[in-house]
Structure formats: C-alpha cells, structure tokens
Amino acid sequence: MGTPTQITDAPPPAQQPTVDKRAARGATRPGDRIFLGLSRGSGILLLVIMAAIAVFLTYRASLAISKDQGNFLTTFQWDTNLVPPNFGIAVLAFGTVVSSIVAMVIAVPVAVAIALFLTHYAPRRMRGPIAYVIDLLAAVPSIVYGLWGALVLVPHMNGLFGWLNDYFGWTGVFSWEGGAPRSMLTVGILLAIMILPIITNVSREVFRQVPQMHEEAALALGATRWEVIRMAVIPFGRSGVISASMLGLGRALGETMAVATVLSPTFDIQASLLDPGGGTFAQNIASKFGEATEFGRDALIASGLVLFVITLLVNGAARAIIARRKEYSGANA
C-alpha cells in the first residue's frame, strides 16, 4: 500500500492593509489639522509680508524718483533739498558691494578653516571653549563692534595701510596718501569680523554631519587627513558652506551702525580701497533719516528698495548654486 498523501490547507491570503481615505487626503486628528493650518498660514503670511514690503518700498520710491533731476542709478550726488532734487545711488551701490566683497574674501576662508579645525583637528577638550567664544562673538551687538572699530581698529590700521602701499601701491587699489584709515578696506575688515561667527557656526554644524563611513572609507584607501577633508568632507558640506556664506553676506550688505561709526562718508568713488570716502546704503539711511524731510525720506526709501532687490538677487543666486550642486552632496548618497 502506498503512503497516503497529506493534504495541508493553503495559508489564507495576506490581507492588504486598509488605507483610510481621509488620512490619505490630509490630517484627521485635531492636533494635525491645527498644525497643518498654522504651518500653511505661516507660509502664506510670510509671502504677504514680503509682498507688502515690496509694494510699500516701490510706491514710496516712485514718488521720489519721479521728481529726481539726475539719473537715480548713475548720479554721484545726494542732495534731496535742492529744487529740483538731485540724487543717485552710484556711490552707495559701489560702496555696499565693495565692502561686502572685501568682507567675504577675508571671512569665508578663515571661517571654513576654523570649522574644519574644530571638527577634525582640535582636541575634544578645546572644541567646547573655542565654539563658546565664537558663539559669544555672534551675540555682540553691532554698535559695540562699531565702537571697537572706531576706537581700536582704526588707530591701528596705519601700519597695515603703509605696508600695503609700499608693496602693492603700484596696483592703484592699495595706494595710500596718508589720510585717516576710515576707508572701505577698514569697513570690510570690520564686517569680516562680524560675519565670521555666523559662517563658522553653520559650516561647523555641516561638517559634523559628514557620514563617518565616508571618512573611514577614504582612510581605508590610504588617504591622509587632509585628503579625507578634501575628498569627503568639503564636497559633502559645499552646499552648507555656500548657505552659510550667503547668511554672512546678507548681514554684511545690511550692516548699519558699525559702518556708520567707522567710515568717513563722501559721495565719490575712490579707486583705492585705502583712501577715505564712499558710503553704503544702510549707512546713508541711518545717517540721513533723522534730519530728512518727507521727500528726503522717500528718496532714502528708494535706496532701501535697491538694497532689498540686491539682497533678493543674492539669495536667488545662492539658491541656484546650491540647486546645481546638490547632486554632488553626500547628503543625497
């Protein structure tokens, strides 16, 4: 006789999880609905505020520009009390851009170097105190930086200006005739000190997020510590460093009291960074707003509109750069 075949029951088909159609459409719990509404409202409110600022600036600026005798973009003069008024932003735009570029050229390499030192070179017991001091620098008010710049930095710039004039004066950019060192280079150095903590802190946090596996893989291939940083750390944090730099640039573009305290403003453009003179949008608004007439305030608002547009363009360019490089970031690996 043959062995009877055992018949086993087939397992029941697995039940498909039921999907709540209400949950698929959105939040169902009261807390979720409230949070969704607050988040969505906050985003809409931000857009409304930005639009309101743009409309206000555009309206008040149009009142002033329509009565301007000179060319608003190219005139090297700011006199709103003339009849008809004659004012322009050529000197202000030049000074704002130049001082910010000087600040970025100085601050970004130093900030990235400090961030790399804190994350990859400094002993553990040193990282905390150094990071604490950097955080303290970020909390110092602008007017304190301005007073320090006027009383300490400016009197000690003669030696640096003389050295630059002796060795690089032939370029014209660093020629110096011995005037007071209240120039664009001094402003740029002060702005670099002010934005250094912002760029350092953000870059440090970005470098800390580098996957340990990336660094260990590079070390396993025989890379030195610098090669690990160059091949694994910096490519991973490039987008973060760009974002940090744009944050610092935003503060440099709009800095007011520190620049007004250090700079000797004049409405002319100096070829040398060491000669006193020049001006910035924020400094001009701060120094003239209190004594300006109603029309003068409209003119200052017009210059503020230009600064507003420059800031938006800088942020847009930063977003575009980050979007182009995000596929190379280690965060997407």
C-alpha atoms as a PDB file:
ATOM      1  CA  MET A   1       0.000   0.000   0.000  1.00  0.00           C
ATOM      2  CA  GLY A   2       1.185   3.461  -0.800  1.00  0.00           C
ATOM      3  CA  THR A   3       1.676   6.166   1.771  1.00  0.00           C
ATOM      4  CA  PRO A   4      -1.381   8.410   1.974  1.00  0.00           C
ATOM      5  CA  THR A   5      -0.731  11.872   0.723  1.00  0.00           C
ATOM      6  CA  GLN A   6      -1.029  14.517   3.385  1.00  0.00           C
ATOM      7  CA  ILE A   7      -3.218  17.373   2.390  1.00  0.00           C
ATOM      8  CA  THR A   8      -2.455  20.657   4.070  1.00  0.00           C
ATOM      9  CA  ASP A   9      -4.611  23.706   3.979  1.00  0.00           C
ATOM     10  CA  ALA A  10      -3.171  26.568   1.959  1.00  0.00           C
ATOM     11  CA  PRO A  11      -2.423  29.627   4.061  1.00  0.00           C
ATOM     12  CA  PRO A  12      -5.016  32.325   3.758  1.00  0.00           C
ATOM     13  CA  PRO A  13      -4.013  35.198   1.507  1.00  0.00           C
ATOM     14  CA  ALA A  14      -2.422  38.049   3.306  1.00  0.00           C
ATOM     15  CA  GLN A  15      -4.852  40.829   3.983  1.00  0.00           C
ATOM     16  CA  GLN A  16      -3.985  44.093   2.355  1.00  0.00           C
ATOM     17  CA  PRO A  17      -3.755  46.935   4.829  1.00  0.00           C
ATOM     18  CA  THR A  18      -6.720  49.204   4.623  1.00  0.00           C
ATOM     19  CA  VAL A  19      -5.977  52.817   3.767  1.00  0.00           C
ATOM     20  CA  ASP A  20      -8.045  55.458   5.386  1.00  0.00           C
ATOM     21  CA  LYS A  21      -9.128  57.728   2.580  1.00  0.00           C
ATOM     22  CA  ARG A  22      -9.433  60.642   4.982  1.00  0.00           C
ATOM     23  CA  ALA A  23      -5.858  60.064   6.196  1.00  0.00           C
ATOM     24  CA  ALA A  24      -4.647  59.906   2.584  1.00  0.00           C
ATOM     25  CA  ARG A  25      -6.263  63.241   1.847  1.00  0.00           C
ATOM     26  CA  GLY A  26      -4.714  65.001   4.849  1.00  0.00           C
ATOM     27  CA  ALA A  27      -4.585  65.262   8.590  1.00  0.00           C
ATOM     28  CA  THR A  28      -7.500  63.739  10.503  1.00  0.00           C
ATOM     29  CA  ARG A  29      -6.683  64.343  14.142  1.00  0.00           C
ATOM     30  CA  PRO A  30      -7.489  67.770  15.597  1.00  0.00           C
ATOM     31  CA  GLY A  31      -3.853  68.386  16.513  1.00  0.00           C
ATOM     32  CA  ASP A  32      -2.700  67.525  12.987  1.00  0.00           C
ATOM     33  CA  ARG A  33      -5.288  69.802  11.443  1.00  0.00           C
ATOM     34  CA  ILE A  34      -4.305  72.669  13.730  1.00  0.00           C
ATOM     35  CA  PHE A  35      -0.612  72.181  13.000  1.00  0.00           C
ATOM     36  CA  LEU A  36      -1.265  71.956   9.259  1.00  0.00           C
ATOM     37  CA  GLY A  37      -3.294  75.151   9.345  1.00  0.00           C
ATOM     38  CA  LEU A  38      -0.659  77.011  11.368  1.00  0.00           C
ATOM     39  CA  SER A  39       2.147  75.860   9.074  1.00  0.00           C
ATOM     40  CA  ARG A  40       0.261  76.759   5.934  1.00  0.00           C
ATOM     41  CA  GLY A  41      -0.808  80.091   7.400  1.00  0.00           C
ATOM     42  CA  SER A  42       2.756  80.919   8.402  1.00  0.00           C
ATOM     43  CA  GLY A  43       3.978  80.333   4.867  1.00  0.00           C
ATOM     44  CA  ILE A  44       1.199  82.449   3.389  1.00  0.00           C
ATOM     45  CA  LEU A  45       1.783  85.184   5.982  1.00  0.00           C
ATOM     46  CA  LEU A  46       5.464  85.329   5.075  1.00  0.00           C
ATOM     47  CA  LEU A  47       4.620  85.810   1.403  1.00  0.00           C
ATOM     48  CA  VAL A  48       2.077  88.507   2.278  1.00  0.00           C
ATOM     49  CA  ILE A  49       4.628  90.376   4.419  1.00  0.00           C
ATOM     50  CA  MET A  50       7.248  90.221   1.674  1.00  0.00           C
ATOM     51  CA  ALA A  51       4.731  91.453  -0.890  1.00  0.00           C
ATOM     52  CA  ALA A  52       3.602  94.261   1.423  1.00  0.00           C
ATOM     53  CA  ILE A  53       7.201  95.389   1.956  1.00  0.00           C
ATOM     54  CA  ALA A  54       7.855  95.342  -1.782  1.00  0.00           C
ATOM     55  CA  VAL A  55       4.684  97.333  -2.537  1.00  0.00           C
ATOM     56  CA  PHE A  56       5.432  99.918   0.159  1.00  0.00           C
ATOM     57  CA  LEU A  57       9.034 100.404  -0.959  1.00  0.00           C
ATOM     58  CA  THR A  58       8.059 100.589  -4.631  1.00  0.00           C
ATOM     59  CA  TYR A  59       5.309 103.136  -4.017  1.00  0.00           C
ATOM     60  CA  ARG A  60       7.392 105.473  -1.851  1.00  0.00           C
ATOM     61  CA  ALA A  61      10.400 105.095  -4.149  1.00  0.00           C
ATOM     62  CA  SER A  62       8.341 106.012  -7.210  1.00  0.00           C
ATOM     63  CA  LEU A  63       7.289 109.275  -5.528  1.00  0.00           C
ATOM     64  CA  ALA A  64      10.933 110.284  -5.076  1.00  0.00           C
ATOM     65  CA  ILE A  65      12.382 109.014  -8.366  1.00  0.00           C
ATOM     66  CA  SER A  66       9.689 110.756 -10.406  1.00  0.00           C
ATOM     67  CA  LYS A  67      10.968 114.139  -9.122  1.00  0.00           C
ATOM     68  CA  ASP A  68      14.679 113.349  -9.334  1.00  0.00           C
ATOM     69  CA  GLN A  69      16.576 115.713 -11.613  1.00  0.00           C
ATOM     70  CA  GLY A  70      19.526 113.345 -12.034  1.00  0.00           C
ATOM     71  CA  ASN A  71      19.797 109.706 -13.013  1.00  0.00           C
ATOM     72  CA  PHE A  72      18.917 107.648  -9.949  1.00  0.00           C
ATOM     73  CA  LEU A  73      21.335 104.857 -10.875  1.00  0.00           C
ATOM     74  CA  THR A  74      24.384 106.851 -12.006  1.00  0.00           C
ATOM     75  CA  THR A  75      24.364 110.213 -10.173  1.00  0.00           C
ATOM     76  CA  PHE A  76      27.315 110.833  -7.811  1.00  0.00           C
ATOM     77  CA  GLN A  77      25.372 113.138  -5.517  1.00  0.00           C
ATOM     78  CA  TRP A  78      22.760 113.004  -2.777  1.00  0.00           C
ATOM     79  CA  ASP A  79      21.004 116.315  -2.259  1.00  0.00           C
ATOM     80  CA  THR A  80      17.272 115.992  -1.791  1.00  0.00           C
ATOM     81  CA  ASN A  81      16.867 119.606  -0.602  1.00  0.00           C
ATOM     82  CA  LEU A  82      17.667 121.139  -3.980  1.00  0.00           C
ATOM     83  CA  VAL A  83      14.854 122.419  -6.186  1.00  0.00           C
ATOM     84  CA  PRO A  84      14.591 120.247  -8.201  1.00  0.00           C
ATOM     85  CA  PRO A  85      16.288 117.490  -6.145  1.00  0.00           C
ATOM     86  CA  ASN A  86      19.333 115.694  -7.481  1.00  0.00           C
ATOM     87  CA  PHE A  87      20.359 112.341  -6.011  1.00  0.00           C
ATOM     88  CA  GLY A  88      21.579 108.914  -7.069  1.00  0.00           C
ATOM     89  CA  ILE A  89      22.858 105.617  -5.705  1.00  0.00           C
ATOM     90  CA  ALA A  90      26.032 105.069  -7.740  1.00  0.00           C
ATOM     91  CA  VAL A  91      28.364 105.697  -4.785  1.00  0.00           C
ATOM     92  CA  LEU A  92      26.155 103.774  -2.354  1.00  0.00           C
ATOM     93  CA  ALA A  93      25.880 100.718  -4.598  1.00  0.00           C
ATOM     94  CA  PHE A  94      29.628 100.700  -5.221  1.00  0.00           C
ATOM     95  CA  GLY A  95      30.475 101.025  -1.532  1.00  0.00           C
ATOM     96  CA  THR A  96      27.985  98.368  -0.446  1.00  0.00           C
ATOM     97  CA  VAL A  97      29.213  95.827  -2.976  1.00  0.00           C
ATOM     98  CA  VAL A  98      32.922  96.518  -2.465  1.00  0.00           C
ATOM     99  CA  SER A  99      32.827  96.417   1.341  1.00  0.00           C
ATOM    100  CA  SER A 100      30.799  93.192   1.266  1.00  0.00           C
ATOM    101  CA  ILE A 101      33.196  91.561  -1.214  1.00  0.00           C
ATOM    102  CA  VAL A 102      36.189  92.507   0.957  1.00  0.00           C
ATOM    103  CA  ALA A 103      34.423  91.069   3.997  1.00  0.00           C
ATOM    104  CA  MET A 104      33.596  87.812   2.218  1.00  0.00           C
ATOM    105  CA  VAL A 105      37.119  87.384   0.816  1.00  0.00           C
ATOM    106  CA  ILE A 106      38.521  87.666   4.345  1.00  0.00           C
ATOM    107  CA  ALA A 107      35.832  85.899   6.361  1.00  0.00           C
ATOM    108  CA  VAL A 108      34.907  82.821   4.299  1.00  0.00           C
ATOM    109  CA  PRO A 109      38.357  81.121   4.156  1.00  0.00           C
ATOM    110  CA  VAL A 110      39.026  81.877   7.822  1.00  0.00           C
ATOM    111  CA  ALA A 111      35.579  80.637   8.901  1.00  0.00           C
ATOM    112  CA  VAL A 112      35.874  77.393   6.911  1.00  0.00           C
ATOM    113  CA  ALA A 113      39.364  76.813   8.332  1.00  0.00           C
ATOM    114  CA  ILE A 114      38.093  77.336  11.891  1.00  0.00           C
ATOM    115  CA  ALA A 115      35.158  74.984  11.275  1.00  0.00           C
ATOM    116  CA  LEU A 116      37.470  72.275   9.910  1.00  0.00           C
ATOM    117  CA  PHE A 117      39.839  72.754  12.845  1.00  0.00           C
ATOM    118  CA  LEU A 118      37.032  72.357  15.369  1.00  0.00           C
ATOM    119  CA  THR A 119      35.590  69.256  13.720  1.00  0.00           C
ATOM    120  CA  HIS A 120      38.716  67.381  12.610  1.00  0.00           C
ATOM    121  CA  TYR A 121      41.872  68.725  14.238  1.00  0.00           C
ATOM    122  CA  ALA A 122      41.200  70.283  17.647  1.00  0.00           C
ATOM    123  CA  PRO A 123      41.370  68.077  20.763  1.00  0.00           C
ATOM    124  CA  ARG A 124      37.994  67.394  22.321  1.00  0.00           C
ATOM    125  CA  ARG A 125      38.694  69.493  25.404  1.00  0.00           C
ATOM    126  CA  MET A 126      39.457  72.520  23.204  1.00  0.00           C
ATOM    127  CA  ARG A 127      36.394  72.313  20.957  1.00  0.00           C
ATOM    128  CA  GLY A 128      33.880  73.418  23.568  1.00  0.00           C
ATOM    129  CA  PRO A 129      35.674  76.598  24.756  1.00  0.00           C
ATOM    130  CA  ILE A 130      36.524  77.722  21.218  1.00  0.00           C
ATOM    131  CA  ALA A 131      32.968  77.131  19.999  1.00  0.00           C
ATOM    132  CA  TYR A 132      31.664  79.041  23.040  1.00  0.00           C
ATOM    133  CA  VAL A 133      33.849  82.050  22.230  1.00  0.00           C
ATOM    134  CA  ILE A 134      32.658  82.020  18.616  1.00  0.00           C
ATOM    135  CA  ASP A 135      29.048  81.926  19.781  1.00  0.00           C
ATOM    136  CA  LEU A 136      29.768  84.911  22.017  1.00  0.00           C
ATOM    137  CA  LEU A 137      31.108  86.868  19.045  1.00  0.00           C
ATOM    138  CA  ALA A 138      27.835  86.267  17.219  1.00  0.00           C
ATOM    139  CA  ALA A 139      25.892  87.754  20.146  1.00  0.00           C
ATOM    140  CA  VAL A 140      27.836  91.037  20.330  1.00  0.00           C
ATOM    141  CA  PRO A 141      25.643  93.997  19.222  1.00  0.00           C
ATOM    142  CA  SER A 142      26.589  95.891  16.087  1.00  0.00           C
ATOM    143  CA  ILE A 143      27.147  99.184  17.897  1.00  0.00           C
ATOM    144  CA  VAL A 144      29.746  97.521  20.123  1.00  0.00           C
ATOM    145  CA  TYR A 145      31.606  96.367  17.028  1.00  0.00           C
ATOM    146  CA  GLY A 146      31.351  99.891  15.672  1.00  0.00           C
ATOM    147  CA  LEU A 147      32.766 101.479  18.828  1.00  0.00           C
ATOM    148  CA  TRP A 148      35.588  98.932  18.902  1.00  0.00           C
ATOM    149  CA  GLY A 149      36.313  99.589  15.248  1.00  0.00           C
ATOM    150  CA  ALA A 150      36.417 103.361  15.715  1.00  0.00           C
ATOM    151  CA  LEU A 151      38.469 103.383  18.931  1.00  0.00           C
ATOM    152  CA  VAL A 152      40.735 100.351  18.437  1.00  0.00           C
ATOM    153  CA  LEU A 153      40.758  99.110  14.849  1.00  0.00           C
ATOM    154  CA  VAL A 154      41.069 102.427  13.002  1.00  0.00           C
ATOM    155  CA  PRO A 155      44.034 103.781  15.033  1.00  0.00           C
ATOM    156  CA  HIS A 156      45.968 100.537  14.447  1.00  0.00           C
ATOM    157  CA  MET A 157      45.417 100.336  10.677  1.00  0.00           C
ATOM    158  CA  ASN A 158      48.206 102.759   9.752  1.00  0.00           C
ATOM    159  CA  GLY A 159      50.857 100.048   9.800  1.00  0.00           C
ATOM    160  CA  LEU A 160      48.853  97.733   7.543  1.00  0.00           C
ATOM    161  CA  PHE A 161      47.983 100.554   5.156  1.00  0.00           C
ATOM    162  CA  GLY A 162      51.610 101.626   4.955  1.00  0.00           C
ATOM    163  CA  TRP A 163      52.746  98.071   4.229  1.00  0.00           C
ATOM    164  CA  LEU A 164      50.132  97.634   1.515  1.00  0.00           C
ATOM    165  CA  ASN A 165      51.117 100.949  -0.032  1.00  0.00           C
ATOM    166  CA  ASP A 166      54.827 100.043  -0.031  1.00  0.00           C
ATOM    167  CA  TYR A 167      54.429  96.644  -1.667  1.00  0.00           C
ATOM    168  CA  PHE A 168      51.154  96.840  -3.596  1.00  0.00           C
ATOM    169  CA  GLY A 169      50.613 100.552  -4.092  1.00  0.00           C
ATOM    170  CA  TRP A 170      51.620 100.209  -7.751  1.00  0.00           C
ATOM    171  CA  THR A 171      48.305  98.446  -8.408  1.00  0.00           C
ATOM    172  CA  GLY A 172      46.321 101.570  -7.529  1.00  0.00           C
ATOM    173  CA  VAL A 173      43.904  99.510  -5.453  1.00  0.00           C
ATOM    174  CA  PHE A 174      46.197  99.668  -2.391  1.00  0.00           C
ATOM    175  CA  SER A 175      47.749 103.097  -2.840  1.00  0.00           C
ATOM    176  CA  TRP A 176      47.571 105.341   0.217  1.00  0.00           C
ATOM    177  CA  GLU A 177      48.228 109.050   0.572  1.00  0.00           C
ATOM    178  CA  GLY A 178      48.400 109.053   4.360  1.00  0.00           C
ATOM    179  CA  GLY A 179      44.822 110.026   5.220  1.00  0.00           C
ATOM    180  CA  ALA A 180      42.758 108.672   8.081  1.00  0.00           C
ATOM    181  CA  PRO A 181      42.252 104.909   7.621  1.00  0.00           C
ATOM    182  CA  ARG A 182      38.455 105.212   7.574  1.00  0.00           C
ATOM    183  CA  SER A 183      38.140 103.535   4.221  1.00  0.00           C
ATOM    184  CA  MET A 184      36.402 100.651   2.508  1.00  0.00           C
ATOM    185  CA  LEU A 185      39.166  98.239   3.494  1.00  0.00           C
ATOM    186  CA  THR A 186      38.700  99.098   7.165  1.00  0.00           C
ATOM    187  CA  VAL A 187      34.947  98.629   6.807  1.00  0.00           C
ATOM    188  CA  GLY A 188      35.483  95.304   5.038  1.00  0.00           C
ATOM    189  CA  ILE A 189      37.773  94.039   7.813  1.00  0.00           C
ATOM    190  CA  LEU A 190      35.246  95.049  10.470  1.00  0.00           C
ATOM    191  CA  LEU A 191      32.404  93.383   8.559  1.00  0.00           C
ATOM    192  CA  ALA A 192      34.534  90.241   8.163  1.00  0.00           C
ATOM    193  CA  ILE A 193      34.945  90.051  11.938  1.00  0.00           C
ATOM    194  CA  MET A 194      31.199  90.498  12.380  1.00  0.00           C
ATOM    195  CA  ILE A 195      30.113  87.798   9.918  1.00  0.00           C
ATOM    196  CA  LEU A 196      32.852  85.339  10.885  1.00  0.00           C
ATOM    197  CA  PRO A 197      30.847  83.672  13.727  1.00  0.00           C
ATOM    198  CA  ILE A 198      27.797  83.100  11.516  1.00  0.00           C
ATOM    199  CA  ILE A 199      29.727  81.388   8.732  1.00  0.00           C
ATOM    200  CA  THR A 200      31.839  79.412  11.207  1.00  0.00           C
ATOM    201  CA  ASN A 201      28.922  78.054  13.228  1.00  0.00           C
ATOM    202  CA  VAL A 202      26.868  76.952  10.231  1.00  0.00           C
ATOM    203  CA  SER A 203      29.893  75.414   8.478  1.00  0.00           C
ATOM    204  CA  ARG A 204      30.894  73.590  11.649  1.00  0.00           C
ATOM    205  CA  GLU A 205      27.459  72.005  12.003  1.00  0.00           C
ATOM    206  CA  VAL A 206      27.505  70.991   8.346  1.00  0.00           C
ATOM    207  CA  PHE A 207      30.941  69.352   8.637  1.00  0.00           C
ATOM    208  CA  ARG A 208      29.782  67.494  11.737  1.00  0.00           C
ATOM    209  CA  GLN A 209      27.060  65.824   9.646  1.00  0.00           C
ATOM    210  CA  VAL A 210      29.538  64.164   7.285  1.00  0.00           C
ATOM    211  CA  PRO A 211      28.874  60.386   7.461  1.00  0.00           C
ATOM    212  CA  GLN A 212      31.630  58.643   9.385  1.00  0.00           C
ATOM    213  CA  MET A 213      31.514  55.881   6.792  1.00  0.00           C
ATOM    214  CA  HIS A 214      32.755  58.299   4.099  1.00  0.00           C
ATOM    215  CA  GLU A 215      35.767  59.324   6.130  1.00  0.00           C
ATOM    216  CA  GLU A 216      36.585  55.750   7.146  1.00  0.00           C
ATOM    217  CA  ALA A 217      36.382  54.616   3.522  1.00  0.00           C
ATOM    218  CA  ALA A 218      38.843  57.302   2.484  1.00  0.00           C
ATOM    219  CA  LEU A 219      41.210  56.371   5.316  1.00  0.00           C
ATOM    220  CA  ALA A 220      40.967  52.705   4.334  1.00  0.00           C
ATOM    221  CA  LEU A 221      42.137  53.645   0.839  1.00  0.00           C
ATOM    222  CA  GLY A 222      45.247  55.224   2.334  1.00  0.00           C
ATOM    223  CA  ALA A 223      44.200  58.876   2.287  1.00  0.00           C
ATOM    224  CA  THR A 224      45.818  61.334   4.661  1.00  0.00           C
ATOM    225  CA  ARG A 225      43.735  63.513   6.962  1.00  0.00           C
ATOM    226  CA  TRP A 226      43.904  66.444   4.529  1.00  0.00           C
ATOM    227  CA  GLU A 227      42.928  64.179   1.629  1.00  0.00           C
ATOM    228  CA  VAL A 228      39.951  62.947   3.656  1.00  0.00           C
ATOM    229  CA  ILE A 229      38.867  66.540   4.182  1.00  0.00           C
ATOM    230  CA  ARG A 230      39.418  67.435   0.528  1.00  0.00           C
ATOM    231  CA  MET A 231      37.686  64.369  -0.944  1.00  0.00           C
ATOM    232  CA  ALA A 232      34.965  63.590   1.616  1.00  0.00           C
ATOM    233  CA  VAL A 233      34.291  66.470   3.978  1.00  0.00           C
ATOM    234  CA  ILE A 234      34.407  69.553   1.766  1.00  0.00           C
ATOM    235  CA  PRO A 235      32.333  68.047  -1.120  1.00  0.00           C
ATOM    236  CA  PHE A 236      29.698  66.949   1.392  1.00  0.00           C
ATOM    237  CA  GLY A 237      29.496  70.369   3.054  1.00  0.00           C
ATOM    238  CA  ARG A 238      29.896  72.585  -0.012  1.00  0.00           C
ATOM    239  CA  SER A 239      26.221  73.497  -0.197  1.00  0.00           C
ATOM    240  CA  GLY A 240      26.132  74.209   3.520  1.00  0.00           C
ATOM    241  CA  VAL A 241      29.180  76.465   3.288  1.00  0.00           C
ATOM    242  CA  ILE A 242      27.544  78.375   0.436  1.00  0.00           C
ATOM    243  CA  SER A 243      24.399  78.814   2.523  1.00  0.00           C
ATOM    244  CA  ALA A 244      26.467  79.999   5.485  1.00  0.00           C
ATOM    245  CA  SER A 245      28.327  82.438   3.263  1.00  0.00           C
ATOM    246  CA  MET A 246      25.064  83.869   1.964  1.00  0.00           C
ATOM    247  CA  LEU A 247      23.851  84.389   5.533  1.00  0.00           C
ATOM    248  CA  GLY A 248      27.021  86.272   6.299  1.00  0.00           C
ATOM    249  CA  LEU A 249      26.757  88.271   3.082  1.00  0.00           C
ATOM    250  CA  GLY A 250      23.209  89.264   3.971  1.00  0.00           C
ATOM    251  CA  ARG A 251      24.415  90.742   7.249  1.00  0.00           C
ATOM    252  CA  ALA A 252      27.336  92.482   5.555  1.00  0.00           C
ATOM    253  CA  LEU A 253      25.055  94.081   2.955  1.00  0.00           C
ATOM    254  CA  GLY A 254      22.653  95.459   5.545  1.00  0.00           C
ATOM    255  CA  GLU A 255      25.032  96.387   8.359  1.00  0.00           C
ATOM    256  CA  THR A 256      24.337  99.925   9.568  1.00  0.00           C
ATOM    257  CA  MET A 257      25.754 101.224  12.838  1.00  0.00           C
ATOM    258  CA  ALA A 258      29.184  99.608  12.641  1.00  0.00           C
ATOM    259  CA  VAL A 259      29.763 101.012   9.149  1.00  0.00           C
ATOM    260  CA  ALA A 260      28.431 104.446  10.095  1.00  0.00           C
ATOM    261  CA  THR A 261      30.784 104.576  13.086  1.00  0.00           C
ATOM    262  CA  VAL A 262      33.928 103.602  11.175  1.00  0.00           C
ATOM    263  CA  LEU A 263      33.501 105.074   7.669  1.00  0.00           C
ATOM    264  CA  SER A 264      34.075 108.699   6.656  1.00  0.00           C
ATOM    265  CA  PRO A 265      31.253 109.005   4.109  1.00  0.00           C
ATOM    266  CA  THR A 266      31.678 111.064   0.959  1.00  0.00           C
ATOM    267  CA  PHE A 267      29.794 110.901  -2.317  1.00  0.00           C
ATOM    268  CA  ASP A 268      32.677 109.916  -4.522  1.00  0.00           C
ATOM    269  CA  ILE A 269      34.185 106.639  -5.641  1.00  0.00           C
ATOM    270  CA  GLN A 270      37.813 106.054  -4.716  1.00  0.00           C
ATOM    271  CA  ALA A 271      39.935 103.795  -6.892  1.00  0.00           C
ATOM    272  CA  SER A 272      41.966 102.780  -3.846  1.00  0.00           C
ATOM    273  CA  LEU A 273      40.493 100.753  -1.008  1.00  0.00           C
ATOM    274  CA  LEU A 274      42.736 102.646   1.425  1.00  0.00           C
ATOM    275  CA  ASP A 275      41.542 106.184   0.702  1.00  0.00           C
ATOM    276  CA  PRO A 276      38.784 107.509   2.981  1.00  0.00           C
ATOM    277  CA  GLY A 277      35.381 108.069   1.465  1.00  0.00           C
ATOM    278  CA  GLY A 278      32.491 106.219  -0.072  1.00  0.00           C
ATOM    279  CA  GLY A 279      29.286 105.046   1.512  1.00  0.00           C
ATOM    280  CA  THR A 280      26.771 102.208   1.765  1.00  0.00           C
ATOM    281  CA  PHE A 281      23.013 102.011   1.546  1.00  0.00           C
ATOM    282  CA  ALA A 282      22.451 101.192   5.201  1.00  0.00           C
ATOM    283  CA  GLN A 283      24.969 103.761   6.455  1.00  0.00           C
ATOM    284  CA  ASN A 284      23.429 106.513   4.315  1.00  0.00           C
ATOM    285  CA  ILE A 285      19.908 105.724   5.500  1.00  0.00           C
ATOM    286  CA  ALA A 286      20.957 105.669   9.155  1.00  0.00           C
ATOM    287  CA  SER A 287      22.891 108.934   8.973  1.00  0.00           C
ATOM    288  CA  LYS A 288      20.342 110.971   6.988  1.00  0.00           C
ATOM    289  CA  PHE A 289      16.956 109.613   8.021  1.00  0.00           C
ATOM    290  CA  GLY A 290      16.603 111.637  11.235  1.00  0.00           C
ATOM    291  CA  GLU A 291      17.086 115.037   9.589  1.00  0.00           C
ATOM    292  CA  ALA A 292      15.443 114.255   6.247  1.00  0.00           C
ATOM    293  CA  THR A 293      12.272 115.913   5.017  1.00  0.00           C
ATOM    294  CA  GLU A 294       9.283 113.923   3.821  1.00  0.00           C
ATOM    295  CA  PHE A 295      10.670 113.863   0.299  1.00  0.00           C
ATOM    296  CA  GLY A 296      14.142 113.029   1.608  1.00  0.00           C
ATOM    297  CA  ARG A 297      12.734 110.008   3.398  1.00  0.00           C
ATOM    298  CA  ASP A 298      11.096 108.862   0.185  1.00  0.00           C
ATOM    299  CA  ALA A 299      14.496 109.123  -1.507  1.00  0.00           C
ATOM    300  CA  LEU A 300      16.104 107.086   1.278  1.00  0.00           C
ATOM    301  CA  ILE A 301      13.334 104.509   0.914  1.00  0.00           C
ATOM    302  CA  ALA A 302      14.165 104.359  -2.798  1.00  0.00           C
ATOM    303  CA  SER A 303      17.750 103.454  -1.923  1.00  0.00           C
ATOM    304  CA  GLY A 304      16.397 100.893   0.516  1.00  0.00           C
ATOM    305  CA  LEU A 305      14.400  99.362  -2.325  1.00  0.00           C
ATOM    306  CA  VAL A 306      17.617  98.872  -4.298  1.00  0.00           C
ATOM    307  CA  LEU A 307      19.233  97.176  -1.292  1.00  0.00           C
ATOM    308  CA  PHE A 308      16.122  94.991  -0.977  1.00  0.00           C
ATOM    309  CA  VAL A 309      16.434  93.938  -4.622  1.00  0.00           C
ATOM    310  CA  ILE A 310      20.169  93.255  -4.282  1.00  0.00           C
ATOM    311  CA  THR A 311      19.513  91.028  -1.276  1.00  0.00           C
ATOM    312  CA  LEU A 312      16.848  89.083  -3.156  1.00  0.00           C
ATOM    313  CA  LEU A 313      19.177  88.620  -6.135  1.00  0.00           C
ATOM    314  CA  VAL A 314      21.988  87.383  -3.884  1.00  0.00           C
ATOM    315  CA  ASN A 315      19.713  84.888  -2.169  1.00  0.00           C
ATOM    316  CA  GLY A 316      18.341  83.731  -5.510  1.00  0.00           C
ATOM    317  CA  ALA A 317      21.840  83.216  -6.872  1.00  0.00           C
ATOM    318  CA  ALA A 318      22.772  81.225  -3.776  1.00  0.00           C
ATOM    319  CA  ARG A 319      19.718  79.020  -4.180  1.00  0.00           C
ATOM    320  CA  ALA A 320      20.601  78.409  -7.825  1.00  0.00           C
ATOM    321  CA  ILE A 321      24.187  77.454  -6.933  1.00  0.00           C
ATOM    322  CA  ILE A 322      23.022  75.072  -4.228  1.00  0.00           C
ATOM    323  CA  ALA A 323      20.442  73.511  -6.560  1.00  0.00           C
ATOM    324  CA  ARG A 324      23.117  72.872  -9.196  1.00  0.00           C
ATOM    325  CA  ARG A 325      25.466  71.238  -6.718  1.00  0.00           C
ATOM    326  CA  LYS A 326      23.038  69.246  -4.609  1.00  0.00           C
ATOM    327  CA  GLU A 327      23.507  66.118  -6.714  1.00  0.00           C
ATOM    328  CA  TYR A 328      27.151  66.104  -5.654  1.00  0.00           C
ATOM    329  CA  SER A 329      26.353  66.403  -1.968  1.00  0.00           C
ATOM    330  CA  GLY A 330      26.937  63.449   0.286  1.00  0.00           C
ATOM    331  CA  ALA A 331      23.554  64.100   1.833  1.00  0.00           C
ATOM    332  CA  ASN A 332      21.961  62.596  -1.252  1.00  0.00           C
ATOM    333  CA  ALA A 333      24.049  59.451  -1.213  1.00  0.00           C
END
